[in-house]
């Protein structure tokens, strides 16, 4: 991200986007926002304002380094994304209740404290587990999963069904990983982010089209009122909207699936 011109041309550099979920995609758009990057500089480099004061503008608990892409960053969103699984102590456990065992959780783990609780991210092949660990939770105690009540209860529950299945398999010491083929929406996000990086680097719409679709295709089909130019314009308009605040809807399952 530091040198856009050197990084936005190769499509291979964006392949990881195909396997990101909603919260991770939200971060990819936010970290490209020039105003967010300026806030990060004011806090991290200049030390002008407190982290939490600046972070709340972006629906974050703490500012995250925009140079870190979604494979390394761990933004703490406000409110919690639908796909966050809250794990808490079970105060009335049944006989032979499953016990919380941190090191039995699958994947590469990253742990931060967001000022309220521990946030754990487990990176698996083609999947990310996001867990909010209650302050009452301890290693080796019976535990339960919590879902926020409200009119979207059903959606929130369905959003974490896959995560709960993986956690159940980990508790039973089984491996339950299945990576599906990316659909059209992930590919759309990949192209949108690449096109957005191109314009942030100062490229024209035609130059963006040449990178996305090839020199030959652009030479044959580029026209001021043509479909190829219209497609590039739609990608850029979509990218700017998501970067400017539309990323918030990617935190919720119903909106993220639409990808609009």
Protein backbone atom coordinates (compact mmCIF):
# COMPACT_ATOMS: atom_id res chain seq x y z
CA UNK A 1 0.00 0.00 0.00
CA UNK A 2 2.92 2.39 0.52
CA UNK A 3 3.80 2.50 -3.19
CA UNK A 4 0.57 1.94 -5.10
CA UNK A 5 2.19 2.03 -8.54
CA UNK A 6 4.46 -0.88 -7.66
CA UNK A 7 1.73 -3.09 -6.23
CA UNK A 8 -1.60 -2.66 -7.99
CA UNK A 9 -0.66 -4.13 -11.38
CA UNK A 10 -0.21 -7.87 -10.58
CA UNK A 11 -3.56 -9.61 -10.12
CA UNK A 12 -1.77 -12.30 -8.11
CA UNK A 13 -1.21 -9.77 -5.32
CA UNK A 14 -4.99 -9.66 -4.80
CA UNK A 15 -5.78 -13.37 -4.84
CA UNK A 16 -6.01 -13.48 -1.03
CA UNK A 17 -9.10 -11.26 -1.32
CA UNK A 18 -11.03 -14.21 -2.80
CA UNK A 19 -11.01 -15.93 0.60
CA UNK A 20 -11.90 -12.98 2.85
CA UNK A 21 -15.17 -12.76 4.74
CA UNK A 22 -17.22 -9.61 5.34
CA UNK A 23 -15.28 -8.13 8.28
CA UNK A 24 -11.96 -8.72 6.51
CA UNK A 25 -13.24 -7.08 3.32
CA UNK A 26 -14.52 -4.15 5.35
CA UNK A 27 -11.00 -3.60 6.62
CA UNK A 28 -9.55 -3.78 3.10
CA UNK A 29 -11.78 -0.88 2.02
CA UNK A 30 -11.31 1.16 5.19
CA UNK A 31 -7.52 0.94 5.17
CA UNK A 32 -7.48 2.54 1.70
CA UNK A 33 -9.45 5.58 2.87
CA UNK A 34 -7.12 8.63 2.76
CA UNK A 35 -8.84 10.23 5.75
CA UNK A 36 -8.44 7.08 7.82
CA UNK A 37 -4.78 6.92 6.91
CA UNK A 38 -4.44 10.55 7.97
CA UNK A 39 -6.05 9.76 11.35
CA UNK A 40 -3.62 6.88 11.78
CA UNK A 41 -0.73 9.22 11.09
CA UNK A 42 -2.05 11.80 13.58
CA UNK A 43 -2.22 9.16 16.29
CA UNK A 44 0.68 6.84 15.54
CA UNK A 45 3.28 9.26 14.17
CA UNK A 46 2.29 12.74 15.35
CA UNK A 47 0.57 11.68 18.58
CA UNK A 48 -2.02 14.45 18.30
CA UNK A 49 -5.17 12.61 19.45
CA UNK A 50 -5.97 9.51 21.54
CA UNK A 51 -6.46 6.24 19.70
CA UNK A 52 -10.03 5.60 20.85
CA UNK A 53 -11.16 9.14 20.01
CA UNK A 54 -10.05 8.77 16.41
CA UNK A 55 -11.09 5.12 16.12
CA UNK A 56 -14.74 5.76 17.01
CA UNK A 57 -15.13 7.84 13.83
CA UNK A 58 -14.52 4.66 11.83
CA UNK A 59 -16.61 2.26 13.95
CA UNK A 60 -13.47 0.80 15.53
CA UNK A 61 -12.51 0.36 19.18
CA UNK A 62 -8.84 0.96 18.37
CA UNK A 63 -7.06 2.23 15.29
CA UNK A 64 -5.36 -0.46 13.20
CA UNK A 65 -2.28 0.09 11.04
CA UNK A 66 -3.52 0.60 7.43
CA UNK A 67 -0.29 -0.88 6.07
CA UNK A 68 -1.41 -4.28 7.37
CA UNK A 69 -3.76 -6.12 5.04
CA UNK A 70 -6.58 -8.38 6.23
CA UNK A 71 -4.24 -11.37 6.55
CA UNK A 72 -2.35 -9.65 9.39
CA UNK A 73 -4.62 -6.93 10.77
CA UNK A 74 -7.08 -7.52 13.59
CA UNK A 75 -9.52 -4.58 13.68
CA UNK A 76 -12.02 -4.50 16.56
CA UNK A 77 -15.33 -3.25 15.16
CA UNK A 78 -18.18 -1.39 16.88
CA UNK A 79 -20.65 -3.05 17.10
CA UNK A 80 -19.43 -6.63 16.81
CA UNK A 81 -19.68 -8.19 13.34
CA UNK A 82 -22.34 -10.85 12.86
CA UNK A 83 -19.66 -13.51 12.43
CA UNK A 84 -18.07 -12.91 15.83
CA UNK A 85 -18.63 -15.83 18.21
CA UNK A 86 -18.81 -14.72 21.85
CA UNK A 87 -17.44 -17.38 24.23
CA UNK A 88 -18.25 -17.15 27.90
CA UNK A 89 -18.15 -19.29 31.02
CA UNK A 90 -21.06 -21.70 31.47
CA UNK A 91 -22.31 -21.07 35.02
CA UNK A 92 -24.65 -24.07 34.99
CA UNK A 93 -22.79 -26.77 33.03
CA UNK A 94 -24.28 -30.15 32.22
CA UNK A 95 -22.52 -33.40 33.03
CA UNK A 96 -19.52 -33.99 30.78
CA UNK A 97 -19.77 -30.47 29.39
CA UNK A 98 -17.16 -29.46 26.82
CA UNK A 99 -14.23 -27.61 28.38
CA UNK A 100 -12.56 -24.56 26.91
CA UNK A 101 -9.07 -25.46 25.67
CA UNK A 102 -7.27 -22.61 23.98
CA UNK A 103 -4.61 -24.70 22.28
CA UNK A 104 -7.21 -27.08 20.84
CA UNK A 105 -8.63 -24.27 18.74
CA UNK A 106 -7.57 -24.73 15.10
CA UNK A 107 -5.53 -22.39 12.92
CA UNK A 108 -2.93 -19.66 13.38
CA UNK A 109 -3.95 -17.58 16.39
CA UNK A 110 -3.76 -13.85 17.04
CA UNK A 111 -4.90 -12.39 20.33
CA UNK A 112 -5.48 -8.75 21.28
CA UNK A 113 -7.26 -6.89 24.07
CA UNK A 114 -9.65 -4.27 22.71
CA UNK A 115 -10.06 -2.50 26.03
CA UNK A 116 -13.03 -4.63 27.07
CA UNK A 117 -12.18 -8.25 26.38
CA UNK A 118 -9.81 -10.53 24.53
CA UNK A 119 -10.38 -10.86 20.79
CA UNK A 120 -9.05 -14.05 19.22
CA UNK A 121 -8.66 -14.61 15.49
CA UNK A 122 -7.91 -18.12 14.21
CA UNK A 123 -6.74 -18.17 10.59
CA UNK A 124 -7.56 -21.42 8.81
CA UNK A 125 -7.34 -22.48 5.18
CA UNK A 126 -10.08 -20.48 3.48
CA UNK A 127 -11.79 -19.59 6.76
CA UNK A 128 -11.39 -17.23 9.71
CA UNK A 129 -12.74 -17.80 13.21
CA UNK A 130 -13.38 -14.63 15.21
CA UNK A 131 -13.96 -15.13 18.91
CA UNK A 132 -14.74 -12.65 21.66
CA UNK A 133 -13.52 -14.18 24.93
CA UNK A 134 -15.36 -13.11 28.07
CA UNK A 135 -13.26 -11.92 31.01
CA UNK A 136 -14.80 -14.72 33.13
CA UNK A 137 -13.60 -17.45 30.76
CA UNK A 138 -10.70 -19.61 31.90
CA UNK A 139 -8.78 -22.55 30.51
CA UNK A 140 -10.42 -25.87 31.31
CA UNK A 141 -13.86 -24.58 32.35
CA UNK A 142 -17.24 -25.37 30.78
CA UNK A 143 -18.17 -22.73 28.24
CA UNK A 144 -21.08 -21.49 26.16
CA UNK A 145 -21.57 -19.45 22.99
CA UNK A 146 -23.64 -16.27 23.10
CA UNK A 147 -25.63 -14.51 20.36
CA UNK A 148 -26.93 -10.97 20.73
CA UNK A 149 -30.74 -10.80 20.97
CA UNK A 150 -32.86 -8.57 18.74
CA UNK A 151 -34.81 -8.51 15.50
CA UNK A 152 -31.86 -9.99 13.57
CA UNK A 153 -31.34 -12.92 15.92
CA UNK A 154 -31.98 -15.52 13.22
CA UNK A 155 -29.53 -13.91 10.81
CA UNK A 156 -26.85 -13.64 13.48
CA UNK A 157 -27.30 -17.28 14.42
CA UNK A 158 -27.09 -18.46 10.80
CA UNK A 159 -24.01 -16.25 10.32
CA UNK A 160 -21.98 -18.28 12.82
CA UNK A 161 -23.27 -21.79 12.03
CA UNK A 162 -20.10 -22.67 10.11
CA UNK A 163 -17.90 -21.29 12.88
CA UNK A 164 -19.79 -23.25 15.53
CA UNK A 165 -19.39 -26.45 13.51
CA UNK A 166 -15.63 -25.90 13.35
CA UNK A 167 -15.45 -25.18 17.07
CA UNK A 168 -17.50 -28.30 17.82
CA UNK A 169 -15.15 -30.38 15.70
CA UNK A 170 -12.14 -28.88 17.48
CA UNK A 171 -13.68 -29.71 20.86
CA UNK A 172 -14.13 -33.30 19.75
CA UNK A 173 -10.55 -33.34 18.37
CA UNK A 174 -11.76 -33.73 14.81
CA UNK A 175 -10.71 -31.76 11.73
CA UNK A 176 -13.57 -30.17 9.81
CA UNK A 177 -12.24 -27.90 7.09
CA UNK A 178 -13.68 -27.48 3.63
CA UNK A 179 -12.67 -24.70 1.25
CA UNK A 180 -15.16 -23.96 -1.49
CA UNK A 181 -14.47 -22.34 -4.82
CA UNK A 182 -14.83 -18.54 -4.66
CA UNK A 183 -18.00 -17.22 -6.26
CA UNK A 184 -18.71 -14.11 -8.30
CA UNK A 185 -18.90 -11.71 -5.35
CA UNK A 186 -15.33 -12.39 -4.11
CA UNK A 187 -14.06 -11.88 -7.66
CA UNK A 188 -15.96 -8.60 -7.83
CA UNK A 189 -14.32 -7.42 -4.59
CA UNK A 190 -10.91 -8.43 -5.91
CA UNK A 191 -11.34 -6.38 -9.09
CA UNK A 192 -12.88 -3.48 -7.20
CA UNK A 193 -9.94 -3.23 -4.82
CA UNK A 194 -7.42 -3.48 -7.64
CA UNK A 195 -9.22 -0.77 -9.61
CA UNK A 196 -9.45 1.40 -6.50
CA UNK A 197 -5.72 1.07 -5.89
CA UNK A 198 -5.12 2.10 -9.47
CA UNK A 199 -7.03 5.35 -9.12
CA UNK A 200 -5.40 6.05 -5.75
CA UNK A 201 -2.09 5.72 -7.57
CA UNK A 202 -3.21 8.27 -10.16
CA UNK A 203 -4.08 5.91 -13.02
CA UNK A 204 -6.73 6.87 -15.57
CA UNK A 205 -9.82 4.75 -16.15
CA UNK A 206 -8.32 3.42 -19.37
CA UNK A 207 -5.10 2.47 -17.60
CA UNK A 208 -7.14 0.63 -14.98
CA UNK A 209 -8.98 -1.23 -17.74
CA UNK A 210 -5.70 -2.21 -19.41
CA UNK A 211 -4.49 -3.85 -16.19
CA UNK A 212 -7.80 -5.57 -15.41
CA UNK A 213 -8.76 -6.73 -18.92
CA UNK A 214 -5.57 -6.57 -21.00
CA UNK A 215 -4.14 -4.23 -23.62
CA UNK A 216 -5.66 -6.09 -26.56
CA UNK A 217 -9.17 -6.08 -25.13
CA UNK A 218 -8.98 -2.37 -24.35
CA UNK A 219 -7.60 -1.52 -27.80
CA UNK A 220 -10.53 -3.34 -29.40
CA UNK A 221 -13.38 -2.37 -27.10
CA UNK A 222 -12.56 0.91 -25.32
CA UNK A 223 -14.98 3.69 -26.19
CA UNK A 224 -16.20 6.75 -24.32
CA UNK A 225 -19.73 5.28 -24.24
CA UNK A 226 -18.71 1.64 -24.42
CA UNK A 227 -19.54 -1.20 -22.04
CA UNK A 228 -15.91 -1.68 -20.97
CA UNK A 229 -15.57 1.91 -19.76
CA UNK A 230 -18.96 1.63 -18.05
CA UNK A 231 -17.78 -1.51 -16.25
CA UNK A 232 -14.64 0.25 -14.97
CA UNK A 233 -16.70 3.22 -13.83
CA UNK A 234 -19.05 0.92 -11.90
CA UNK A 235 -16.10 -0.77 -10.19
CA UNK A 236 -14.62 2.58 -9.18
CA UNK A 237 -17.94 4.00 -7.98
CA UNK A 238 -18.55 0.87 -5.92
CA UNK A 239 -15.04 1.00 -4.47
CA UNK A 240 -15.34 4.66 -3.46
CA UNK A 241 -18.69 4.05 -1.76
CA UNK A 242 -17.36 1.10 0.22
CA UNK A 243 -14.17 2.96 1.11
CA UNK A 244 -16.09 6.04 2.28
CA UNK A 245 -18.29 4.22 4.78
CA UNK A 246 -20.13 1.52 2.89
CA UNK A 247 -17.72 -0.99 4.40
CA UNK A 248 -19.96 -1.02 7.48
CA UNK A 249 -22.58 -3.12 5.71
CA UNK A 250 -20.00 -5.83 5.03
CA UNK A 251 -19.99 -6.53 8.77
CA UNK A 252 -23.54 -7.87 8.52
CA UNK A 253 -24.28 -11.12 6.73
CA UNK A 254 -27.38 -10.06 4.77
CA UNK A 255 -25.70 -6.96 3.35
CA UNK A 256 -22.35 -8.66 2.73
CA UNK A 257 -23.92 -11.38 0.58
CA UNK A 258 -25.45 -8.79 -1.72
CA UNK A 259 -22.11 -7.07 -2.21
CA UNK A 260 -23.81 -3.93 -3.49
